[in-house]
Amino acid sequence: MKAIGFKTSHEIEHKESLEEFEIQKPIAKGFDIIVKINAVSMNPVDTKVRALSAIDIALDAPKILGFDAVGIVESIGEEVTTVSVGNRVFYAGDITRNGSNSQFQTVDSRIVAGAPKSLRDEESAVLPLTSITAWEGLFDRLNVKKDEKKTILIIGGAGGVGSIATQIAKQTTNLTVISTASRLETIDWCKKMGADHVVNHKDLINSVKEAGFNTVDYIFVLNNLSSHWDAVAELIVPQGKICSIVDVKESIDINKIKAKSVTFVWEFMFTRAMFSTADIQKQHEILDKVANLVDRGKIKTTLSKTIEGLTVQSFKDAHTLSESGKTIGKIAIRF
């Protein structure tokens, strides 16, 4: 079958940064299913894996990228109970396995759910990874209680995770959502997603205070933890909670939050699948809830651009856009 991937890490402009490969079509066993892919989305993790995972080496087998996907279940393993052949499903995949940038993909059925019925394939394809990240961040890591009237600051409100985290918070909790953005188009996007307040991350402390908040109860860091750390440490309320999904590029002084007894926690969407945790099926449950919210008109797609075709050029274009840092919402590739 046809797949798009790489054997050596390169800048996206390099002719071998992404290539087309013919690989063996997989067979479903155990909890696995085989999905015929209709559409996928672009995530920052795709660019990171491409750029960093095979520097100055050549992999024996190509690394096939892609995490989010929507497609039709073609076959199932003997232990599968949550989906059936012919179901239209969506999922975010597993970073340790071949990805969705291919005609067919093997995926664990326990991290898969029925795709929203009200959305086209490309509109659904942009939701799984960001929705799971946002849901886990809010409810598994920050332990937000749905009926509490508190505040959350979302740093990176116009990105993929920020866009869906804002919607989930507004539709399922009583949180006041403060999102960060600095350009007119990103400010408008954050408001469209439902943010109660939009503040400028370039002057975060003053901007939050000008919005009427001296401190916030929760902070969800989705962009550049290192550069925002001092502001985060000042703005978090005593005994508040901070969750981050981004790597630390420069060292941070964790002691800054000690006196406030602040909780700091990581969110990494792939943890459950990577380690086959006892609660791995929770990702199926999360996606099922997200699909229900979408079909009830409570959550809208975060799709902002669609690229056509399972081709090297399509994915190079998507990687280039993602790496530009100017993307609002999500990019989908429709096969």
Protein backbone atom coordinates (compact mmCIF):
# COMPACT_ATOMS: atom_id res chain seq x y z
CA MET A 1 0.00 0.00 0.00
CA LYS A 2 0.99 3.64 -0.49
CA ALA A 3 2.36 5.66 2.45
CA ILE A 4 4.17 8.98 3.03
CA GLY A 5 7.14 9.07 5.39
CA PHE A 6 10.90 9.47 5.70
CA LYS A 7 14.10 7.59 6.58
CA THR A 8 16.33 10.52 7.55
CA SER A 9 15.43 13.78 9.29
CA HIS A 10 15.67 16.86 7.06
CA GLU A 11 14.34 20.39 6.82
CA ILE A 12 11.05 20.33 4.95
CA GLU A 13 12.63 21.99 1.87
CA HIS A 14 14.96 18.99 1.38
CA LYS A 15 13.86 16.68 -1.46
CA GLU A 16 13.97 13.64 0.86
CA SER A 17 12.27 15.25 3.87
CA LEU A 18 9.15 13.31 2.92
CA GLU A 19 8.92 10.50 0.37
CA GLU A 20 6.39 8.04 -1.01
CA PHE A 21 6.86 4.39 -0.01
CA GLU A 22 5.19 1.08 -0.82
CA ILE A 23 4.76 -0.84 2.45
CA GLN A 24 3.00 -4.03 3.47
CA LYS A 25 -0.72 -3.70 4.13
CA PRO A 26 -1.31 -4.61 7.81
CA ILE A 27 -3.45 -7.40 9.29
CA ALA A 28 -5.71 -6.95 12.31
CA LYS A 29 -5.04 -9.02 15.43
CA GLY A 30 -6.07 -8.77 19.08
CA PHE A 31 -7.52 -5.34 19.90
CA ASP A 32 -6.34 -3.88 16.57
CA ILE A 33 -8.45 -2.79 13.64
CA ILE A 34 -7.53 -1.90 10.06
CA VAL A 35 -8.89 1.42 8.84
CA LYS A 36 -9.09 2.65 5.25
CA ILE A 37 -8.10 6.30 5.64
CA ASN A 38 -10.25 9.07 4.15
CA ALA A 39 -8.70 12.17 5.75
CA VAL A 40 -5.99 13.12 8.25
CA SER A 41 -4.86 16.30 9.96
CA MET A 42 -1.58 18.08 10.53
CA ASN A 43 -0.20 18.43 14.06
CA PRO A 44 3.00 20.07 15.36
CA VAL A 45 4.14 16.65 16.57
CA ASP A 46 4.36 15.53 12.92
CA THR A 47 6.96 18.19 12.18
CA LYS A 48 8.90 17.44 15.36
CA VAL A 49 9.11 13.71 14.62
CA ARG A 50 10.15 14.37 11.03
CA ALA A 51 12.83 16.89 12.02
CA LEU A 52 14.29 15.20 15.09
CA SER A 53 13.84 11.43 15.16
CA ALA A 54 16.42 10.39 12.54
CA ILE A 55 19.13 13.05 12.51
CA ASP A 56 22.26 11.94 10.61
CA ILE A 57 21.03 8.33 10.34
CA ALA A 58 19.03 6.32 7.83
CA LEU A 59 16.23 4.21 9.29
CA ASP A 60 15.99 0.60 8.11
CA ALA A 61 12.27 1.02 7.52
CA PRO A 62 10.50 4.28 6.69
CA LYS A 63 8.83 6.18 9.51
CA ILE A 64 5.23 6.82 8.49
CA LEU A 65 3.87 10.00 10.06
CA GLY A 66 0.30 11.01 10.86
CA PHE A 67 -1.82 10.75 13.99
CA ASP A 68 -5.34 12.12 13.50
CA ALA A 69 -7.47 10.19 11.03
CA VAL A 70 -11.00 9.49 9.84
CA GLY A 71 -11.81 6.36 7.90
CA ILE A 72 -13.81 3.18 7.50
CA VAL A 73 -13.10 0.03 9.52
CA GLU A 74 -12.09 -2.69 7.04
CA SER A 75 -11.27 -5.54 9.45
CA ILE A 76 -11.03 -6.20 13.18
CA GLY A 77 -9.00 -8.37 15.55
CA GLU A 78 -10.48 -11.15 17.63
CA GLU A 79 -10.61 -9.09 20.85
CA VAL A 80 -12.31 -5.99 19.43
CA THR A 81 -15.63 -5.09 21.05
CA THR A 82 -16.05 -1.33 20.59
CA VAL A 83 -16.30 -1.00 16.78
CA SER A 84 -17.46 -3.12 13.82
CA VAL A 85 -16.47 -3.56 10.18
CA GLY A 86 -17.95 -0.73 8.13
CA ASN A 87 -18.01 1.81 10.97
CA ARG A 88 -16.79 5.34 10.18
CA VAL A 89 -14.32 6.16 12.95
CA PHE A 90 -11.92 8.85 14.11
CA TYR A 91 -8.85 8.66 16.37
CA ALA A 92 -5.47 10.19 17.23
CA GLY A 93 -3.28 7.09 16.99
CA ASP A 94 -0.13 5.97 18.77
CA ILE A 95 3.27 7.64 18.38
CA THR A 96 5.07 4.27 18.66
CA ARG A 97 3.35 2.79 15.55
CA ASN A 98 3.12 3.64 11.86
CA GLY A 99 0.90 6.64 11.32
CA SER A 100 -2.12 7.63 9.28
CA ASN A 101 -0.39 9.14 6.24
CA SER A 102 -1.14 5.98 4.29
CA GLN A 103 -3.97 4.16 2.52
CA PHE A 104 -4.60 1.82 5.46
CA GLN A 105 -3.58 1.90 9.13
CA THR A 106 -3.50 -0.44 12.11
CA VAL A 107 -4.85 1.16 15.28
CA ASP A 108 -5.88 -0.09 18.72
CA SER A 109 -9.69 -0.16 18.83
CA ARG A 110 -9.65 1.06 22.43
CA ILE A 111 -8.52 4.54 21.34
CA VAL A 112 -11.05 4.79 18.49
CA ALA A 113 -14.67 5.99 18.40
CA GLY A 114 -17.41 6.63 15.87
CA ALA A 115 -16.76 9.87 13.96
CA PRO A 116 -19.24 12.76 14.28
CA LYS A 117 -22.16 12.14 11.92
CA SER A 118 -22.71 15.84 11.29
CA LEU A 119 -19.21 16.59 9.95
CA ARG A 120 -17.39 15.80 6.71
CA ASP A 121 -14.27 13.63 6.91
CA GLU A 122 -11.84 16.55 6.86
CA GLU A 123 -13.87 18.41 9.50
CA SER A 124 -13.76 15.41 11.81
CA ALA A 125 -10.11 14.57 11.12
CA VAL A 126 -8.84 17.71 12.85
CA LEU A 127 -10.51 16.90 16.18
CA PRO A 128 -9.15 13.72 17.84
CA LEU A 129 -5.61 14.61 18.99
CA THR A 130 -6.49 18.11 20.12
CA SER A 131 -9.76 17.01 21.74
CA ILE A 132 -8.11 14.22 23.73
CA THR A 133 -5.26 16.53 24.75
CA ALA A 134 -7.71 19.22 25.87
CA TRP A 135 -10.02 16.79 27.67
CA GLU A 136 -7.20 15.00 29.48
CA GLY A 137 -5.56 18.32 30.34
CA LEU A 138 -8.73 19.78 31.79
CA PHE A 139 -10.20 16.78 33.59
CA ASP A 140 -7.44 14.20 34.14
CA ARG A 141 -4.48 16.53 34.84
CA LEU A 142 -5.97 19.78 36.17
CA ASN A 143 -8.89 17.87 37.71
CA VAL A 144 -11.37 20.61 36.83
CA LYS A 145 -14.77 20.07 38.46
CA LYS A 146 -17.54 20.77 35.99
CA ASP A 147 -19.71 22.77 38.40
CA GLU A 148 -17.00 25.01 39.95
CA LYS A 149 -16.96 28.70 39.07
CA LYS A 150 -13.25 29.33 38.60
CA THR A 151 -10.93 30.84 35.99
CA ILE A 152 -8.62 29.23 33.46
CA LEU A 153 -5.92 30.95 31.40
CA ILE A 154 -5.23 29.15 28.10
CA ILE A 155 -1.86 30.19 26.66
CA GLY A 156 -2.05 29.60 22.91
CA GLY A 157 -5.78 30.03 22.46
CA ALA A 158 -5.86 30.14 18.66
CA GLY A 159 -3.94 26.90 18.11
CA GLY A 160 -5.46 23.47 17.62
CA VAL A 161 -5.55 22.45 21.29
CA GLY A 162 -6.45 25.93 22.51
CA SER A 163 -9.37 26.16 20.09
CA ILE A 164 -10.95 22.93 21.27
CA ALA A 165 -10.01 23.38 24.96
CA THR A 166 -11.89 26.68 24.97
CA GLN A 167 -14.97 25.03 23.48
CA ILE A 168 -14.89 22.05 25.85
CA ALA A 169 -14.42 24.31 28.87
CA LYS A 170 -17.30 26.58 27.86
CA GLN A 171 -19.68 23.77 26.93
CA THR A 172 -19.04 21.34 29.80
CA THR A 173 -17.91 23.49 32.79
CA ASN A 174 -18.62 26.78 34.55
CA LEU A 175 -15.07 28.06 34.03
CA THR A 176 -14.38 31.61 32.90
CA VAL A 177 -12.00 31.16 29.94
CA ILE A 178 -9.19 33.66 29.33
CA SER A 179 -7.33 32.91 26.08
CA THR A 180 -4.13 34.47 24.75
CA ALA A 181 -3.68 35.91 21.25
CA SER A 182 -1.94 38.94 19.77
CA ARG A 183 -3.04 39.33 16.14
CA LEU A 184 -6.46 40.60 15.07
CA GLU A 185 -7.25 37.34 13.28
CA THR A 186 -6.23 35.17 16.25
CA ILE A 187 -8.14 37.38 18.69
CA ASP A 188 -11.25 37.03 16.53
CA TRP A 189 -10.71 33.25 16.32
CA CYS A 190 -10.47 32.91 20.11
CA LYS A 191 -13.72 34.85 20.51
CA LYS A 192 -15.34 32.63 17.89
CA MET A 193 -14.28 29.58 19.92
CA GLY A 194 -16.08 31.04 22.95
CA ALA A 195 -13.37 32.67 25.07
CA ASP A 196 -14.78 35.07 27.67
CA HIS A 197 -11.65 37.24 27.55
CA VAL A 198 -8.73 37.43 25.10
CA VAL A 199 -5.41 38.77 26.44
CA ASN A 200 -2.06 39.50 24.85
CA HIS A 201 0.64 36.89 25.56
CA LYS A 202 3.33 39.45 24.70
CA ASP A 203 2.47 41.35 27.91
CA LEU A 204 0.72 38.59 29.79
CA ILE A 205 0.70 39.82 33.38
CA ASN A 206 -0.52 43.33 32.62
CA SER A 207 -2.99 42.09 30.01
CA VAL A 208 -4.58 39.60 32.41
CA LYS A 209 -4.83 42.25 35.13
CA GLU A 210 -6.35 44.74 32.68
CA ALA A 211 -9.00 42.10 31.95
CA GLY A 212 -9.91 42.19 35.64
CA PHE A 213 -7.98 39.25 37.11
CA ASN A 214 -5.07 39.48 39.55
CA THR A 215 -4.71 35.69 39.62
CA VAL A 216 -6.24 32.67 37.89
CA ASP A 217 -7.14 29.25 39.27
CA TYR A 218 -5.85 27.12 36.38
CA ILE A 219 -3.30 27.72 33.62
CA PHE A 220 -3.12 25.49 30.53
CA VAL A 221 0.20 26.14 28.76
CA LEU A 222 0.03 25.22 25.06
CA ASN A 223 2.86 27.38 23.76
CA ASN A 224 6.45 28.14 24.86
CA LEU A 225 6.47 27.26 28.56
CA SER A 226 9.98 28.66 29.12
CA SER A 227 9.24 32.20 27.91
CA HIS A 228 5.93 32.39 29.80
CA TRP A 229 7.09 30.74 33.04
CA ASP A 230 7.73 33.88 35.11
CA ALA A 231 4.32 35.27 34.19
CA VAL A 232 2.63 31.93 34.86
CA ALA A 233 4.26 31.70 38.29
CA GLU A 234 3.04 35.19 39.17
CA LEU A 235 -0.51 34.80 37.84
CA ILE A 236 -1.37 31.40 39.29
CA VAL A 237 -3.43 31.58 42.48
CA PRO A 238 -2.00 30.00 45.66
CA GLN A 239 -2.79 26.24 45.55
CA GLY A 240 -3.67 26.60 41.89
CA LYS A 241 -2.80 24.16 39.10
CA ILE A 242 -0.68 24.46 35.97
CA CYS A 243 -0.69 21.97 33.08
CA SER A 244 1.69 22.10 30.10
CA ILE A 245 1.92 20.14 26.86
CA VAL A 246 5.10 21.79 25.55
CA ASP A 247 8.71 20.78 26.09
CA VAL A 248 10.94 23.06 28.16
CA LYS A 249 13.37 24.65 25.70
CA GLU A 250 15.24 26.62 28.36
CA SER A 251 15.50 25.80 32.05
CA ILE A 252 12.78 27.16 34.32
CA ASP A 253 12.90 27.91 38.03
CA ILE A 254 10.33 25.52 39.50
CA ASN A 255 11.00 27.06 42.92
CA LYS A 256 8.96 30.08 41.85
CA ILE A 257 5.73 28.17 42.56
CA LYS A 258 6.83 26.43 45.79
CA ALA A 259 5.59 29.11 48.23
CA LYS A 260 2.14 28.97 46.61
CA SER A 261 1.95 25.14 46.89
CA VAL A 262 1.06 25.05 43.21
CA THR A 263 0.51 21.79 41.33
CA PHE A 264 2.43 21.44 38.04
CA VAL A 265 1.51 18.53 35.76
CA TRP A 266 2.30 17.38 32.23
CA GLU A 267 -0.21 16.28 29.61
CA PHE A 268 1.00 13.97 26.84
CA MET A 269 -1.83 12.56 24.78
CA PHE A 270 0.11 9.46 23.72
CA THR A 271 0.79 8.17 27.25
CA ARG A 272 -2.18 5.80 27.44
CA ALA A 273 -1.46 4.18 24.05
CA MET A 274 2.35 4.12 24.47
CA PHE A 275 2.19 2.25 27.77
CA SER A 276 -1.07 0.40 27.19
CA THR A 277 -2.29 1.73 30.52
CA ALA A 278 -5.08 0.03 32.44
CA ASP A 279 -7.41 2.87 31.46
CA ILE A 280 -6.44 2.99 27.76
CA GLN A 281 -10.10 2.70 26.74
CA LYS A 282 -10.76 6.10 28.29
CA GLN A 283 -9.62 7.65 25.00
CA HIS A 284 -12.45 5.80 23.24
CA GLU A 285 -14.82 7.25 25.85
CA ILE A 286 -13.45 10.79 25.43
CA LEU A 287 -13.83 10.70 21.66
CA ASP A 288 -17.35 9.31 22.02
CA LYS A 289 -18.25 12.30 24.24
CA VAL A 290 -16.63 14.73 21.81
CA ALA A 291 -18.55 13.27 18.85
CA ASN A 292 -21.77 13.58 20.84
CA LEU A 293 -21.05 17.22 21.67
CA VAL A 294 -20.31 17.93 18.00
CA ASP A 295 -23.50 16.26 16.78
CA ARG A 296 -25.52 18.21 19.36
CA GLY A 297 -24.07 21.46 18.00
CA LYS A 298 -22.08 22.21 21.16
CA ILE A 299 -18.59 21.94 19.61
CA LYS A 300 -17.61 23.08 16.13
CA THR A 301 -14.76 21.84 13.97
CA THR A 302 -11.47 23.74 14.20
CA LEU A 303 -10.66 23.13 10.52
CA SER A 304 -9.21 26.21 8.82
CA LYS A 305 -7.65 24.74 5.64
CA THR A 306 -8.01 21.57 3.55
CA ILE A 307 -5.29 20.18 1.25
CA GLU A 308 -6.12 17.50 -1.31
CA GLY A 309 -4.36 14.21 -1.97
CA LEU A 310 -2.21 11.43 -0.49
CA THR A 311 0.90 12.88 -2.13
CA VAL A 312 4.34 14.00 -1.02
CA GLN A 313 3.61 17.56 -2.12
CA SER A 314 0.38 17.74 -0.11
CA PHE A 315 2.18 16.77 3.07
CA LYS A 316 5.16 19.03 2.37
CA ASP A 317 2.70 21.92 2.00
CA ALA A 318 1.03 20.96 5.30
CA HIS A 319 4.37 20.71 7.15
CA THR A 320 5.48 24.07 5.75
CA LEU A 321 2.28 25.75 6.95
CA SER A 322 2.53 24.13 10.38
CA GLU A 323 6.15 25.21 10.82
CA SER A 324 5.34 28.80 9.82
CA GLY A 325 3.85 29.45 13.26
CA LYS A 326 1.04 31.42 11.62
CA THR A 327 -1.56 28.66 11.50
CA ILE A 328 -4.96 29.33 13.05
CA GLY A 329 -7.00 26.25 13.91
CA LYS A 330 -6.13 23.04 12.05
CA ILE A 331 -5.08 21.81 8.60
CA ALA A 332 -6.61 18.65 7.07
CA ILE A 333 -5.44 16.51 4.17
CA ARG A 334 -8.23 14.72 2.31
CA PHE A 335 -7.31 11.63 0.28
